[in-house]
Amino acid sequence: NLVSLFERPSILVELVIYLGLGIIWAFPFKFIFKGIGQADPDQTE
């Protein structure tokens, strides 16, 4: 187990890690998020 190889870091280090990973995971899906909520280009008015 990878987690068992390391000691538990301080709470501040954990917080920074979780915040960083919480933001980084979204970058590959950026093009999907940009399209959500925009008008349908095929829709006629």
C-alpha atoms as a PDB file:
ATOM      1  CA  ASN A   1       0.000   0.000   0.000  1.00  0.00           C
ATOM      2  CA  LEU A   2       1.465   3.336  -1.048  1.00  0.00           C
ATOM      3  CA  VAL A   3      -0.095   5.236   1.848  1.00  0.00           C
ATOM      4  CA  SER A   4       1.522   2.996   4.459  1.00  0.00           C
ATOM      5  CA  LEU A   5       5.008   3.894   3.175  1.00  0.00           C
ATOM      6  CA  PHE A   6       4.750   7.477   4.453  1.00  0.00           C
ATOM      7  CA  GLU A   7       3.950   9.070   7.786  1.00  0.00           C
ATOM      8  CA  ARG A   8       0.808  11.168   7.966  1.00  0.00           C
ATOM      9  CA  PRO A   9       1.648  14.800   7.102  1.00  0.00           C
ATOM     10  CA  SER A  10       0.459  17.738   9.163  1.00  0.00           C
ATOM     11  CA  ILE A  11      -3.099  18.929   8.696  1.00  0.00           C
ATOM     12  CA  LEU A  12      -1.950  22.019   6.755  1.00  0.00           C
ATOM     13  CA  VAL A  13       0.039  19.901   4.301  1.00  0.00           C
ATOM     14  CA  GLU A  14      -2.965  17.624   3.834  1.00  0.00           C
ATOM     15  CA  LEU A  15      -5.195  20.637   3.253  1.00  0.00           C
ATOM     16  CA  VAL A  16      -2.878  22.002   0.556  1.00  0.00           C
ATOM     17  CA  ILE A  17      -2.692  18.587  -1.125  1.00  0.00           C
ATOM     18  CA  TYR A  18      -6.460  18.131  -1.172  1.00  0.00           C
ATOM     19  CA  LEU A  19      -7.087  21.674  -2.405  1.00  0.00           C
ATOM     20  CA  GLY A  20      -4.492  21.264  -5.155  1.00  0.00           C
ATOM     21  CA  LEU A  21      -5.862  17.922  -6.290  1.00  0.00           C
ATOM     22  CA  GLY A  22      -9.392  19.297  -6.103  1.00  0.00           C
ATOM     23  CA  ILE A  23      -8.480  21.940  -8.675  1.00  0.00           C
ATOM     24  CA  ILE A  24      -6.105  19.911 -10.862  1.00  0.00           C
ATOM     25  CA  TRP A  25      -8.597  17.113 -11.638  1.00  0.00           C
ATOM     26  CA  ALA A  26     -10.831  19.566 -13.508  1.00  0.00           C
ATOM     27  CA  PHE A  27      -8.249  20.726 -16.077  1.00  0.00           C
ATOM     28  CA  PRO A  28      -8.677  17.731 -18.441  1.00  0.00           C
ATOM     29  CA  PHE A  29     -12.437  18.419 -18.464  1.00  0.00           C
ATOM     30  CA  LYS A  30     -12.102  22.157 -19.095  1.00  0.00           C
ATOM     31  CA  PHE A  31     -13.465  21.926 -22.645  1.00  0.00           C
ATOM     32  CA  ILE A  32     -16.596  20.175 -21.344  1.00  0.00           C
ATOM     33  CA  PHE A  33     -17.202  22.786 -18.648  1.00  0.00           C
ATOM     34  CA  LYS A  34     -16.859  25.619 -21.183  1.00  0.00           C
ATOM     35  CA  GLY A  35     -19.694  24.163 -23.268  1.00  0.00           C
ATOM     36  CA  ILE A  36     -22.131  23.673 -20.397  1.00  0.00           C
ATOM     37  CA  GLY A  37     -24.695  26.431 -20.061  1.00  0.00           C
ATOM     38  CA  GLN A  38     -24.184  27.929 -23.505  1.00  0.00           C
ATOM     39  CA  ALA A  39     -26.946  28.275 -26.053  1.00  0.00           C
ATOM     40  CA  ASP A  40     -27.542  25.404 -28.459  1.00  0.00           C
ATOM     41  CA  PRO A  41     -26.004  26.437 -31.813  1.00  0.00           C
ATOM     42  CA  ASP A  42     -28.501  24.240 -33.730  1.00  0.00           C
ATOM     43  CA  GLN A  43     -31.574  25.753 -32.094  1.00  0.00           C
ATOM     44  CA  THR A  44     -33.702  28.067 -34.244  1.00  0.00           C
ATOM     45  CA  GLU A  45     -35.337  31.022 -32.578  1.00  0.00           C
END
